[in-house]
Amino acid sequence: MNDKEIQEHVRDALGAAHQEQAPPFDAVWLAAEQRHRRSRRRYAAVGGIAASVAVLAVVAGLWPSQETALTDEYLIADSLLNGTQWSAPSDALLPQHQIDIYQDMPVLLESTELNEGSLL
């Protein structure tokens, strides 16, 4: 093959490749819109399914079983009866003393000398 024949073959091949007409803009735009709508519907369906599965998982996790509810009820009552202490609201205003004069009687310290009595 000489150069002239190669040029003719290349020209014919390029001409055949560029013979097809470009599709009209409206057809390309319509196809793109349809693909976009399909993908949005797919994403919406997947998102809805994922949201419903998440809600069901949360509800299932928060749903108390009968055994747990009864056990928790007894544990709460037991902790309230055994662990709760009452004090008057005014106790926060009173100073802290080392002895409770209503419950404890102070011990009177006595002198070391037998005849002298107490130190008060």
PDB file of N, CA and C in Angstrom:
ATOM      1  N   MET A   1       0.846  -1.183   0.000  1.00  0.00           N
ATOM      2  CA  MET A   1       0.000   0.000   0.000  1.00  0.00           C
ATOM      3  C   MET A   1       0.891   1.245   0.000  1.00  0.00           C
ATOM      4  N   ASN A   2       0.467   2.144  -0.766  1.00  0.00           N
ATOM      5  CA  ASN A   2       1.225   3.387  -0.802  1.00  0.00           C
ATOM      6  C   ASN A   2       0.490   4.451   0.029  1.00  0.00           C
ATOM      7  N   ASP A   3       1.080   5.591   0.121  1.00  0.00           N
ATOM      8  CA  ASP A   3       0.534   6.652   0.969  1.00  0.00           C
ATOM      9  C   ASP A   3      -0.834   7.136   0.474  1.00  0.00           C
ATOM     10  N   LYS A   4      -1.022   7.167  -0.815  1.00  0.00           N
ATOM     11  CA  LYS A   4      -2.283   7.657  -1.370  1.00  0.00           C
ATOM     12  C   LYS A   4      -3.432   6.735  -0.961  1.00  0.00           C
ATOM     13  N   GLU A   5      -3.223   5.439  -1.048  1.00  0.00           N
ATOM     14  CA  GLU A   5      -4.267   4.474  -0.676  1.00  0.00           C
ATOM     15  C   GLU A   5      -4.570   4.548   0.825  1.00  0.00           C
ATOM     16  N   ILE A   6      -3.549   4.707   1.626  1.00  0.00           N
ATOM     17  CA  ILE A   6      -3.751   4.821   3.080  1.00  0.00           C
ATOM     18  C   ILE A   6      -4.574   6.060   3.394  1.00  0.00           C
ATOM     19  N   GLN A   7      -4.295   7.162   2.743  1.00  0.00           N
ATOM     20  CA  GLN A   7      -5.062   8.393   2.971  1.00  0.00           C
ATOM     21  C   GLN A   7      -6.531   8.203   2.567  1.00  0.00           C
ATOM     22  N   GLU A   8      -6.771   7.515   1.470  1.00  0.00           N
ATOM     23  CA  GLU A   8      -8.156   7.268   1.048  1.00  0.00           C
ATOM     24  C   GLU A   8      -8.881   6.379   2.054  1.00  0.00           C
ATOM     25  N   HIS A   9      -8.234   5.329   2.538  1.00  0.00           N
ATOM     26  CA  HIS A   9      -8.859   4.430   3.539  1.00  0.00           C
ATOM     27  C   HIS A   9      -9.164   5.176   4.844  1.00  0.00           C
ATOM     28  N   VAL A  10      -8.213   6.016   5.261  1.00  0.00           N
ATOM     29  CA  VAL A  10      -8.435   6.789   6.498  1.00  0.00           C
ATOM     30  C   VAL A  10      -9.575   7.773   6.296  1.00  0.00           C
ATOM     31  N   ARG A  11      -9.626   8.435   5.161  1.00  0.00           N
ATOM     32  CA  ARG A  11     -10.686   9.398   4.873  1.00  0.00           C
ATOM     33  C   ARG A  11     -12.049   8.691   4.823  1.00  0.00           C
ATOM     34  N   ASP A  12     -12.107   7.540   4.203  1.00  0.00           N
ATOM     35  CA  ASP A  12     -13.361   6.791   4.131  1.00  0.00           C
ATOM     36  C   ASP A  12     -13.806   6.321   5.531  1.00  0.00           C
ATOM     37  N   ALA A  13     -12.840   5.859   6.339  1.00  0.00           N
ATOM     38  CA  ALA A  13     -13.171   5.390   7.691  1.00  0.00           C
ATOM     39  C   ALA A  13     -13.659   6.544   8.562  1.00  0.00           C
ATOM     40  N   LEU A  14     -12.989   7.682   8.482  1.00  0.00           N
ATOM     41  CA  LEU A  14     -13.435   8.846   9.266  1.00  0.00           C
ATOM     42  C   LEU A  14     -14.787   9.349   8.774  1.00  0.00           C
ATOM     43  N   GLY A  15     -15.006   9.339   7.483  1.00  0.00           N
ATOM     44  CA  GLY A  15     -16.288   9.763   6.934  1.00  0.00           C
ATOM     45  C   GLY A  15     -17.412   8.852   7.391  1.00  0.00           C
ATOM     46  N   ALA A  16     -17.150   7.541   7.428  1.00  0.00           N
ATOM     47  CA  ALA A  16     -18.173   6.593   7.883  1.00  0.00           C
ATOM     48  C   ALA A  16     -18.459   6.775   9.376  1.00  0.00           C
ATOM     49  N   ALA A  17     -17.428   7.107  10.138  1.00  0.00           N
ATOM     50  CA  ALA A  17     -17.619   7.278  11.584  1.00  0.00           C
ATOM     51  C   ALA A  17     -18.412   8.541  11.891  1.00  0.00           C
ATOM     52  N   HIS A  18     -18.258   9.567  11.072  1.00  0.00           N
ATOM     53  CA  HIS A  18     -18.943  10.834  11.336  1.00  0.00           C
ATOM     54  C   HIS A  18     -20.222  11.002  10.521  1.00  0.00           C
ATOM     55  N   GLN A  19     -20.685   9.951   9.882  1.00  0.00           N
ATOM     56  CA  GLN A  19     -21.908  10.049   9.102  1.00  0.00           C
ATOM     57  C   GLN A  19     -23.147  10.127   9.985  1.00  0.00           C
ATOM     58  N   GLU A  20     -23.097   9.505  11.149  1.00  0.00           N
ATOM     59  CA  GLU A  20     -24.273   9.516  12.026  1.00  0.00           C
ATOM     60  C   GLU A  20     -24.557  10.931  12.472  1.00  0.00           C
ATOM     61  N   GLN A  21     -25.827  11.270  12.505  1.00  0.00           N
ATOM     62  CA  GLN A  21     -26.249  12.587  12.953  1.00  0.00           C
ATOM     63  C   GLN A  21     -26.386  12.578  14.477  1.00  0.00           C
ATOM     64  N   ALA A  22     -26.070  13.674  15.095  1.00  0.00           N
ATOM     65  CA  ALA A  22     -26.257  13.798  16.544  1.00  0.00           C
ATOM     66  C   ALA A  22     -27.748  13.826  16.833  1.00  0.00           C
ATOM     67  N   PRO A  23     -28.183  13.168  17.937  1.00  0.00           N
ATOM     68  CA  PRO A  23     -29.615  13.184  18.246  1.00  0.00           C
ATOM     69  C   PRO A  23     -30.061  14.596  18.590  1.00  0.00           C
ATOM     70  N   PRO A  24     -31.337  14.875  18.394  1.00  0.00           N
ATOM     71  CA  PRO A  24     -31.825  16.218  18.730  1.00  0.00           C
ATOM     72  C   PRO A  24     -31.698  16.487  20.231  1.00  0.00           C
ATOM     73  N   PHE A  25     -31.542  17.756  20.566  1.00  0.00           N
ATOM     74  CA  PHE A  25     -31.350  18.149  21.964  1.00  0.00           C
ATOM     75  C   PHE A  25     -32.540  17.729  22.821  1.00  0.00           C
ATOM     76  N   ASP A  26     -33.752  17.872  22.296  1.00  0.00           N
ATOM     77  CA  ASP A  26     -34.946  17.522  23.085  1.00  0.00           C
ATOM     78  C   ASP A  26     -34.962  16.046  23.470  1.00  0.00           C
ATOM     79  N   ALA A  27     -34.547  15.184  22.561  1.00  0.00           N
ATOM     80  CA  ALA A  27     -34.526  13.746  22.858  1.00  0.00           C
ATOM     81  C   ALA A  27     -33.500  13.442  23.944  1.00  0.00           C
ATOM     82  N   VAL A  28     -32.332  14.075  23.849  1.00  0.00           N
ATOM     83  CA  VAL A  28     -31.291  13.848  24.866  1.00  0.00           C
ATOM     84  C   VAL A  28     -31.766  14.364  26.218  1.00  0.00           C
ATOM     85  N   TRP A  29     -32.387  15.542  26.240  1.00  0.00           N
ATOM     86  CA  TRP A  29     -32.873  16.137  27.492  1.00  0.00           C
ATOM     87  C   TRP A  29     -33.968  15.273  28.114  1.00  0.00           C
ATOM     88  N   LEU A  30     -34.894  14.783  27.290  1.00  0.00           N
ATOM     89  CA  LEU A  30     -35.979  13.934  27.792  1.00  0.00           C
ATOM     90  C   LEU A  30     -35.429  12.640  28.393  1.00  0.00           C
ATOM     91  N   ALA A  31     -34.446  12.036  27.737  1.00  0.00           N
ATOM     92  CA  ALA A  31     -33.839  10.805  28.270  1.00  0.00           C
ATOM     93  C   ALA A  31     -33.136  11.068  29.591  1.00  0.00           C
ATOM     94  N   ALA A  32     -32.445  12.215  29.704  1.00  0.00           N
ATOM     95  CA  ALA A  32     -31.761  12.555  30.959  1.00  0.00           C
ATOM     96  C   ALA A  32     -32.771  12.783  32.080  1.00  0.00           C
ATOM     97  N   GLU A  33     -33.880  13.460  31.787  1.00  0.00           N
ATOM     98  CA  GLU A  33     -34.908  13.671  32.814  1.00  0.00           C
ATOM     99  C   GLU A  33     -35.509  12.355  33.281  1.00  0.00           C
ATOM    100  N   GLN A  34     -35.736  11.431  32.362  1.00  0.00           N
ATOM    101  CA  GLN A  34     -36.289  10.130  32.745  1.00  0.00           C
ATOM    102  C   GLN A  34     -35.322   9.348  33.632  1.00  0.00           C
ATOM    103  N   ARG A  35     -34.036   9.372  33.271  1.00  0.00           N
ATOM    104  CA  ARG A  35     -33.048   8.696  34.121  1.00  0.00           C
ATOM    105  C   ARG A  35     -32.993   9.326  35.512  1.00  0.00           C
ATOM    106  N   HIS A  36     -33.086  10.652  35.559  1.00  0.00           N
ATOM    107  CA  HIS A  36     -33.048  11.349  36.844  1.00  0.00           C
ATOM    108  C   HIS A  36     -34.268  10.993  37.688  1.00  0.00           C
ATOM    109  N   ARG A  37     -35.460  10.957  37.093  1.00  0.00           N
ATOM    110  CA  ARG A  37     -36.676  10.582  37.834  1.00  0.00           C
ATOM    111  C   ARG A  37     -36.577   9.164  38.376  1.00  0.00           C
ATOM    112  N   ARG A  38     -36.070   8.244  37.545  1.00  0.00           N
ATOM    113  CA  ARG A  38     -35.931   6.857  38.009  1.00  0.00           C
ATOM    114  C   ARG A  38     -34.971   6.755  39.185  1.00  0.00           C
ATOM    115  N   SER A  39     -33.846   7.480  39.115  1.00  0.00           N
ATOM    116  CA  SER A  39     -32.884   7.407  40.209  1.00  0.00           C
ATOM    117  C   SER A  39     -33.451   8.042  41.477  1.00  0.00           C
ATOM    118  N   ARG A  40     -34.212   9.141  41.350  1.00  0.00           N
ATOM    119  CA  ARG A  40     -34.829   9.757  42.540  1.00  0.00           C
ATOM    120  C   ARG A  40     -35.837   8.826  43.174  1.00  0.00           C
ATOM    121  N   ARG A  41     -36.636   8.123  42.332  1.00  0.00           N
ATOM    122  CA  ARG A  41     -37.606   7.165  42.885  1.00  0.00           C
ATOM    123  C   ARG A  41     -36.885   6.031  43.608  1.00  0.00           C
ATOM    124  N   ARG A  42     -35.778   5.560  43.036  1.00  0.00           N
ATOM    125  CA  ARG A  42     -35.009   4.497  43.684  1.00  0.00           C
ATOM    126  C   ARG A  42     -34.463   4.965  45.034  1.00  0.00           C
ATOM    127  N   TYR A  43     -33.869   6.163  45.061  1.00  0.00           N
ATOM    128  CA  TYR A  43     -33.323   6.693  46.318  1.00  0.00           C
ATOM    129  C   TYR A  43     -34.433   6.919  47.343  1.00  0.00           C
ATOM    130  N   ALA A  44     -35.598   7.409  46.896  1.00  0.00           N
ATOM    131  CA  ALA A  44     -36.709   7.625  47.827  1.00  0.00           C
ATOM    132  C   ALA A  44     -37.201   6.304  48.399  1.00  0.00           C
ATOM    133  N   ALA A  45     -37.274   5.273  47.565  1.00  0.00           N
ATOM    134  CA  ALA A  45     -37.723   3.971  48.055  1.00  0.00           C
ATOM    135  C   ALA A  45     -36.729   3.389  49.053  1.00  0.00           C
ATOM    136  N   VAL A  46     -35.437   3.456  48.723  1.00  0.00           N
ATOM    137  CA  VAL A  46     -34.415   2.930  49.630  1.00  0.00           C
ATOM    138  C   VAL A  46     -34.395   3.732  50.933  1.00  0.00           C
ATOM    139  N   GLY A  47     -34.536   5.056  50.837  1.00  0.00           N
ATOM    140  CA  GLY A  47     -34.556   5.886  52.045  1.00  0.00           C
ATOM    141  C   GLY A  47     -35.765   5.599  52.914  1.00  0.00           C
ATOM    142  N   GLY A  48     -36.929   5.401  52.308  1.00  0.00           N
ATOM    143  CA  GLY A  48     -38.132   5.058  53.078  1.00  0.00           C
ATOM    144  C   GLY A  48     -38.010   3.726  53.776  1.00  0.00           C
ATOM    145  N   ILE A  49     -37.466   2.748  53.064  1.00  0.00           N
ATOM    146  CA  ILE A  49     -37.280   1.424  53.675  1.00  0.00           C
ATOM    147  C   ILE A  49     -36.276   1.507  54.820  1.00  0.00           C
ATOM    148  N   ALA A  50     -35.186   2.241  54.628  1.00  0.00           N
ATOM    149  CA  ALA A  50     -34.176   2.371  55.694  1.00  0.00           C
ATOM    150  C   ALA A  50     -34.752   3.092  56.904  1.00  0.00           C
ATOM    151  N   ALA A  51     -35.559   4.134  56.680  1.00  0.00           N
ATOM    152  CA  ALA A  51     -36.161   4.856  57.802  1.00  0.00           C
ATOM    153  C   ALA A  51     -37.134   3.969  58.561  1.00  0.00           C
ATOM    154  N   SER A  52     -37.945   3.183  57.849  1.00  0.00           N
ATOM    155  CA  SER A  52     -38.897   2.318  58.539  1.00  0.00           C
ATOM    156  C   SER A  52     -38.180   1.211  59.307  1.00  0.00           C
ATOM    157  N   VAL A  53     -37.091   0.690  58.764  1.00  0.00           N
ATOM    158  CA  VAL A  53     -36.324  -0.331  59.492  1.00  0.00           C
ATOM    159  C   VAL A  53     -35.703   0.274  60.747  1.00  0.00           C
ATOM    160  N   ALA A  54     -35.207   1.510  60.653  1.00  0.00           N
ATOM    161  CA  ALA A  54     -34.618   2.168  61.825  1.00  0.00           C
ATOM    162  C   ALA A  54     -35.667   2.407  62.902  1.00  0.00           C
ATOM    163  N   VAL A  55     -36.860   2.842  62.500  1.00  0.00           N
ATOM    164  CA  VAL A  55     -37.931   3.064  63.472  1.00  0.00           C
ATOM    165  C   VAL A  55     -38.333   1.752  64.131  1.00  0.00           C
ATOM    166  N   LEU A  56     -38.456   0.686  63.352  1.00  0.00           N
ATOM    167  CA  LEU A  56     -38.802  -0.612  63.928  1.00  0.00           C
ATOM    168  C   LEU A  56     -37.720  -1.110  64.890  1.00  0.00           C
ATOM    169  N   ALA A  57     -36.465  -0.865  64.564  1.00  0.00           N
ATOM    170  CA  ALA A  57     -35.382  -1.288  65.463  1.00  0.00           C
ATOM    171  C   ALA A  57     -35.430  -0.520  66.779  1.00  0.00           C
ATOM    172  N   VAL A  58     -35.711   0.782  66.710  1.00  0.00           N
ATOM    173  CA  VAL A  58     -35.806   1.583  67.939  1.00  0.00           C
ATOM    174  C   VAL A  58     -36.992   1.133  68.775  1.00  0.00           C
ATOM    175  N   VAL A  59     -38.139   0.908  68.133  1.00  0.00           N
ATOM    176  CA  VAL A  59     -39.333   0.471  68.866  1.00  0.00           C
ATOM    177  C   VAL A  59     -39.091  -0.896  69.488  1.00  0.00           C
ATOM    178  N   ALA A  60     -38.476  -1.802  68.748  1.00  0.00           N
ATOM    179  CA  ALA A  60     -38.200  -3.136  69.292  1.00  0.00           C
ATOM    180  C   ALA A  60     -37.222  -3.062  70.465  1.00  0.00           C
ATOM    181  N   GLY A  61     -36.277  -2.154  70.401  1.00  0.00           N
ATOM    182  CA  GLY A  61     -35.328  -2.013  71.507  1.00  0.00           C
ATOM    183  C   GLY A  61     -35.940  -1.395  72.741  1.00  0.00           C
ATOM    184  N   LEU A  62     -36.918  -0.514  72.558  1.00  0.00           N
ATOM    185  CA  LEU A  62     -37.550   0.146  73.694  1.00  0.00           C
ATOM    186  C   LEU A  62     -38.733  -0.639  74.258  1.00  0.00           C
ATOM    187  N   TRP A  63     -39.222  -1.607  73.520  1.00  0.00           N
ATOM    188  CA  TRP A  63     -40.382  -2.372  73.956  1.00  0.00           C
ATOM    189  C   TRP A  63     -39.979  -3.258  75.128  1.00  0.00           C
ATOM    190  N   PRO A  64     -40.567  -3.053  76.316  1.00  0.00           N
ATOM    191  CA  PRO A  64     -40.155  -3.871  77.470  1.00  0.00           C
ATOM    192  C   PRO A  64     -40.805  -5.246  77.426  1.00  0.00           C
ATOM    193  N   SER A  65     -40.042  -6.257  77.792  1.00  0.00           N
ATOM    194  CA  SER A  65     -40.624  -7.586  77.903  1.00  0.00           C
ATOM    195  C   SER A  65     -41.337  -7.690  79.248  1.00  0.00           C
ATOM    196  N   GLN A  66     -42.236  -8.658  79.382  1.00  0.00           N
ATOM    197  CA  GLN A  66     -43.022  -8.805  80.612  1.00  0.00           C
ATOM    198  C   GLN A  66     -42.123  -9.123  81.799  1.00  0.00           C
ATOM    199  N   GLU A  67     -41.140  -9.992  81.620  1.00  0.00           N
ATOM    200  CA  GLU A  67     -40.256 -10.351  82.728  1.00  0.00           C
ATOM    201  C   GLU A  67     -39.464  -9.144  83.207  1.00  0.00           C
ATOM    202  N   THR A  68     -38.963  -8.389  82.287  1.00  0.00           N
ATOM    203  CA  THR A  68     -38.168  -7.222  82.643  1.00  0.00           C
ATOM    204  C   THR A  68     -39.021  -6.198  83.371  1.00  0.00           C
ATOM    205  N   ALA A  69     -40.262  -6.001  82.920  1.00  0.00           N
ATOM    206  CA  ALA A  69     -41.129  -5.005  83.540  1.00  0.00           C
ATOM    207  C   ALA A  69     -41.441  -5.389  84.986  1.00  0.00           C
ATOM    208  N   LEU A  70     -41.741  -6.664  85.235  1.00  0.00           N
ATOM    209  CA  LEU A  70     -42.051  -7.093  86.604  1.00  0.00           C
ATOM    210  C   LEU A  70     -40.820  -7.011  87.495  1.00  0.00           C
ATOM    211  N   THR A  71     -39.685  -7.455  86.995  1.00  0.00           N
ATOM    212  CA  THR A  71     -38.457  -7.410  87.772  1.00  0.00           C
ATOM    213  C   THR A  71     -38.080  -5.973  88.093  1.00  0.00           C
ATOM    214  N   ASP A  72     -38.173  -5.104  87.106  1.00  0.00           N
ATOM    215  CA  ASP A  72     -37.838  -3.703  87.329  1.00  0.00           C
ATOM    216  C   ASP A  72     -38.774  -3.066  88.348  1.00  0.00           C
ATOM    217  N   GLU A  73     -40.045  -3.425  88.321  1.00  0.00           N
ATOM    218  CA  GLU A  73     -41.009  -2.855  89.270  1.00  0.00           C
ATOM    219  C   GLU A  73     -40.640  -3.224  90.706  1.00  0.00           C
ATOM    220  N   TYR A  74     -40.268  -4.492  90.933  1.00  0.00           N
ATOM    221  CA  TYR A  74     -39.895  -4.907  92.281  1.00  0.00           C
ATOM    222  C   TYR A  74     -38.567  -4.295  92.711  1.00  0.00           C
ATOM    223  N   LEU A  75     -37.622  -4.174  91.788  1.00  0.00           N
ATOM    224  CA  LEU A  75     -36.334  -3.572  92.128  1.00  0.00           C
ATOM    225  C   LEU A  75     -36.485  -2.099  92.477  1.00  0.00           C
ATOM    226  N   ILE A  76     -37.350  -1.389  91.765  1.00  0.00           N
ATOM    227  CA  ILE A  76     -37.560   0.030  92.039  1.00  0.00           C
ATOM    228  C   ILE A  76     -38.226   0.202  93.396  1.00  0.00           C
ATOM    229  N   ALA A  77     -39.250  -0.610  93.692  1.00  0.00           N
ATOM    230  CA  ALA A  77     -39.913  -0.517  94.988  1.00  0.00           C
ATOM    231  C   ALA A  77     -38.942  -0.848  96.116  1.00  0.00           C
ATOM    232  N   ASP A  78     -38.125  -1.869  95.934  1.00  0.00           N
ATOM    233  CA  ASP A  78     -37.161  -2.256  96.960  1.00  0.00           C
ATOM    234  C   ASP A  78     -36.132  -1.158  97.186  1.00  0.00           C
ATOM    235  N   SER A  79     -35.639  -0.555  96.125  1.00  0.00           N
ATOM    236  CA  SER A  79     -34.636   0.499  96.301  1.00  0.00           C
ATOM    237  C   SER A  79     -35.252   1.745  96.935  1.00  0.00           C
ATOM    238  N   LEU A  80     -36.520   2.020  96.660  1.00  0.00           N
ATOM    239  CA  LEU A  80     -37.164   3.169  97.292  1.00  0.00           C
ATOM    240  C   LEU A  80     -37.371   2.939  98.787  1.00  0.00           C
ATOM    241  N   LEU A  81     -37.762   1.728  99.157  1.00  0.00           N
ATOM    242  CA  LEU A  81     -38.002   1.442 100.569  1.00  0.00           C
ATOM    243  C   LEU A  81     -36.707   1.373 101.376  1.00  0.00           C
ATOM    244  N   ASN A  82     -35.657   0.843 100.780  1.00  0.00           N
ATOM    245  CA  ASN A  82     -34.422   0.641 101.533  1.00  0.00           C
ATOM    246  C   ASN A  82     -33.391   1.753 101.355  1.00  0.00           C
ATOM    247  N   GLY A  83     -33.501   2.541 100.349  1.00  0.00           N
ATOM    248  CA  GLY A  83     -32.456   3.503 100.081  1.00  0.00           C
ATOM    249  C   GLY A  83     -32.875   4.955 100.217  1.00  0.00           C
ATOM    250  N   THR A  84     -34.089   5.213 100.634  1.00  0.00           N
ATOM    251  CA  THR A  84     -34.557   6.591 100.716  1.00  0.00           C
ATOM    252  C   THR A  84     -34.515   7.063 102.161  1.00  0.00           C
ATOM    253  N   GLN A  85     -33.972   8.233 102.384  1.00  0.00           N
ATOM    254  CA  GLN A  85     -33.946   8.817 103.724  1.00  0.00           C
ATOM    255  C   GLN A  85     -34.629  10.174 103.661  1.00  0.00           C
ATOM    256  N   TRP A  86     -35.382  10.465 104.682  1.00  0.00           N
ATOM    257  CA  TRP A  86     -36.098  11.727 104.715  1.00  0.00           C
ATOM    258  C   TRP A  86     -35.402  12.680 105.662  1.00  0.00           C
ATOM    259  N   SER A  87     -35.347  13.925 105.301  1.00  0.00           N
ATOM    260  CA  SER A  87     -34.862  14.963 106.205  1.00  0.00           C
ATOM    261  C   SER A  87     -35.683  16.216 105.926  1.00  0.00           C
ATOM    262  N   ALA A  88     -35.827  17.010 106.955  1.00  0.00           N
ATOM    263  CA  ALA A  88     -36.628  18.225 106.826  1.00  0.00           C
ATOM    264  C   ALA A  88     -35.920  19.214 105.913  1.00  0.00           C
ATOM    265  N   PRO A  89     -36.672  19.979 105.153  1.00  0.00           N
ATOM    266  CA  PRO A  89     -36.036  20.977 104.284  1.00  0.00           C
ATOM    267  C   PRO A  89     -35.251  22.026 105.067  1.00  0.00           C
ATOM    268  N   SER A  90     -35.669  22.298 106.299  1.00  0.00           N
ATOM    269  CA  SER A  90     -34.969  23.311 107.086  1.00  0.00           C
ATOM    270  C   SER A  90     -33.624  22.806 107.607  1.00  0.00           C
ATOM    271  N   ASP A  91     -33.345  21.518 107.497  1.00  0.00           N
ATOM    272  CA  ASP A  91     -32.059  20.994 107.962  1.00  0.00           C
ATOM    273  C   ASP A  91     -30.889  21.602 107.192  1.00  0.00           C
ATOM    274  N   ALA A  92     -31.131  22.016 105.972  1.00  0.00           N
ATOM    275  CA  ALA A  92     -30.066  22.635 105.188  1.00  0.00           C
ATOM    276  C   ALA A  92     -29.687  23.996 105.753  1.00  0.00           C
ATOM    277  N   LEU A  93     -30.588  24.636 106.507  1.00  0.00           N
ATOM    278  CA  LEU A  93     -30.329  25.964 107.058  1.00  0.00           C
ATOM    279  C   LEU A  93     -29.627  25.903 108.409  1.00  0.00           C
ATOM    280  N   LEU A  94     -29.732  24.775 109.088  1.00  0.00           N
ATOM    281  CA  LEU A  94     -29.152  24.648 110.420  1.00  0.00           C
ATOM    282  C   LEU A  94     -27.679  24.297 110.329  1.00  0.00           C
ATOM    283  N   PRO A  95     -26.893  24.733 111.305  1.00  0.00           N
ATOM    284  CA  PRO A  95     -25.468  24.370 111.283  1.00  0.00           C
ATOM    285  C   PRO A  95     -25.287  22.896 111.612  1.00  0.00           C
ATOM    286  N   GLN A  96     -24.179  22.352 111.175  1.00  0.00           N
ATOM    287  CA  GLN A  96     -23.875  20.954 111.431  1.00  0.00           C
ATOM    288  C   GLN A  96     -23.237  20.826 112.820  1.00  0.00           C
ATOM    289  N   HIS A  97     -23.780  19.927 113.626  1.00  0.00           N
ATOM    290  CA  HIS A  97     -23.231  19.677 114.958  1.00  0.00           C
ATOM    291  C   HIS A  97     -22.698  18.259 115.006  1.00  0.00           C
ATOM    292  N   GLN A  98     -21.747  18.063 115.892  1.00  0.00           N
ATOM    293  CA  GLN A  98     -21.167  16.739 116.018  1.00  0.00           C
ATOM    294  C   GLN A  98     -22.059  15.808 116.826  1.00  0.00           C
ATOM    295  N   ILE A  99     -22.869  16.352 117.700  1.00  0.00           N
ATOM    296  CA  ILE A  99     -23.761  15.511 118.503  1.00  0.00           C
ATOM    297  C   ILE A  99     -25.191  15.953 118.254  1.00  0.00           C
ATOM    298  N   ASP A 100     -26.087  15.042 118.381  1.00  0.00           N
ATOM    299  CA  ASP A 100     -27.508  15.332 118.259  1.00  0.00           C
ATOM    300  C   ASP A 100     -28.064  15.427 119.677  1.00  0.00           C
ATOM    301  N   ILE A 101     -28.432  16.619 120.120  1.00  0.00           N
ATOM    302  CA  ILE A 101     -28.829  16.796 121.516  1.00  0.00           C
ATOM    303  C   ILE A 101     -30.165  16.122 121.808  1.00  0.00           C
ATOM    304  N   TYR A 102     -30.899  15.785 120.781  1.00  0.00           N
ATOM    305  CA  TYR A 102     -32.167  15.089 121.015  1.00  0.00           C
ATOM    306  C   TYR A 102     -31.986  13.587 121.149  1.00  0.00           C
ATOM    307  N   GLN A 103     -30.932  13.055 120.587  1.00  0.00           N
ATOM    308  CA  GLN A 103     -30.709  11.613 120.619  1.00  0.00           C
ATOM    309  C   GLN A 103     -29.584  11.203 121.568  1.00  0.00           C
ATOM    310  N   ASP A 104     -28.534  11.988 121.642  1.00  0.00           N
ATOM    311  CA  ASP A 104     -27.364  11.620 122.438  1.00  0.00           C
ATOM    312  C   ASP A 104     -27.258  12.521 123.657  1.00  0.00           C
ATOM    313  N   MET A 105     -26.946  11.926 124.759  1.00  0.00           N
ATOM    314  CA  MET A 105     -26.679  12.697 125.979  1.00  0.00           C
ATOM    315  C   MET A 105     -25.180  12.929 126.050  1.00  0.00           C
ATOM    316  N   PRO A 106     -24.757  14.165 126.237  1.00  0.00           N
ATOM    317  CA  PRO A 106     -23.315  14.400 126.306  1.00  0.00           C
ATOM    318  C   PRO A 106     -22.720  13.755 127.563  1.00  0.00           C
ATOM    319  N   VAL A 107     -21.522  13.293 127.414  1.00  0.00           N
ATOM    320  CA  VAL A 107     -20.816  12.682 128.542  1.00  0.00           C
ATOM    321  C   VAL A 107     -20.125  13.804 129.308  1.00  0.00           C
ATOM    322  N   LEU A 108     -20.356  13.833 130.594  1.00  0.00           N
ATOM    323  CA  LEU A 108     -19.708  14.843 131.426  1.00  0.00           C
ATOM    324  C   LEU A 108     -18.329  14.338 131.805  1.00  0.00           C
ATOM    325  N   LEU A 109     -17.337  15.103 131.431  1.00  0.00           N
ATOM    326  CA  LEU A 109     -15.974  14.712 131.747  1.00  0.00           C
ATOM    327  C   LEU A 109     -15.695  14.988 133.227  1.00  0.00           C
ATOM    328  N   GLU A 110     -15.101  14.066 133.856  1.00  0.00           N
ATOM    329  CA  GLU A 110     -14.827  14.216 135.279  1.00  0.00           C
ATOM    330  C   GLU A 110     -13.368  14.543 135.516  1.00  0.00           C
ATOM    331  N   SER A 111     -13.141  15.166 136.622  1.00  0.00           N
ATOM    332  CA  SER A 111     -11.781  15.549 136.987  1.00  0.00           C
ATOM    333  C   SER A 111     -10.995  14.313 137.382  1.00  0.00           C
ATOM    334  N   THR A 112      -9.712  14.413 137.294  1.00  0.00           N
ATOM    335  CA  THR A 112      -8.863  13.312 137.712  1.00  0.00           C
ATOM    336  C   THR A 112      -8.717  13.280 139.237  1.00  0.00           C
ATOM    337  N   GLU A 113      -9.044  14.394 139.844  1.00  0.00           N
ATOM    338  CA  GLU A 113      -9.011  14.435 141.302  1.00  0.00           C
ATOM    339  C   GLU A 113     -10.343  13.895 141.819  1.00  0.00           C
ATOM    340  N   LEU A 114     -10.310  13.054 142.760  1.00  0.00           N
ATOM    341  CA  LEU A 114     -11.519  12.417 143.269  1.00  0.00           C
ATOM    342  C   LEU A 114     -12.470  13.391 143.966  1.00  0.00           C
ATOM    343  N   ASN A 115     -12.007  14.415 144.595  1.00  0.00           N
ATOM    344  CA  ASN A 115     -12.866  15.313 145.375  1.00  0.00           C
ATOM    345  C   ASN A 115     -13.423  16.471 144.548  1.00  0.00           C
ATOM    346  N   GLU A 116     -12.961  16.691 143.360  1.00  0.00           N
ATOM    347  CA  GLU A 116     -13.343  17.896 142.661  1.00  0.00           C
ATOM    348  C   GLU A 116     -14.598  17.730 141.797  1.00  0.00           C
ATOM    349  N   GLY A 117     -15.038  16.581 141.390  1.00  0.00           N
ATOM    350  CA  GLY A 117     -16.259  16.405 140.609  1.00  0.00           C
ATOM    351  C   GLY A 117     -16.047  16.630 139.115  1.00  0.00           C
ATOM    352  N   SER A 118     -17.104  17.081 138.486  1.00  0.00           N
ATOM    353  CA  SER A 118     -17.045  17.231 137.024  1.00  0.00           C
ATOM    354  C   SER A 118     -16.330  18.513 136.628  1.00  0.00           C
ATOM    355  N   LEU A 119     -15.913  18.610 135.345  1.00  0.00           N
ATOM    356  CA  LEU A 119     -15.195  19.776 134.856  1.00  0.00           C
ATOM    357  C   LEU A 119     -16.112  20.916 134.441  1.00  0.00           C
ATOM    358  N   LEU A 120     -17.390  20.735 134.486  1.00  0.00           N
ATOM    359  CA  LEU A 120     -18.293  21.829 134.093  1.00  0.00           C
ATOM    360  C   LEU A 120     -18.321  22.818 135.191  1.00  0.00           C
TER     361      LEU A 120
END
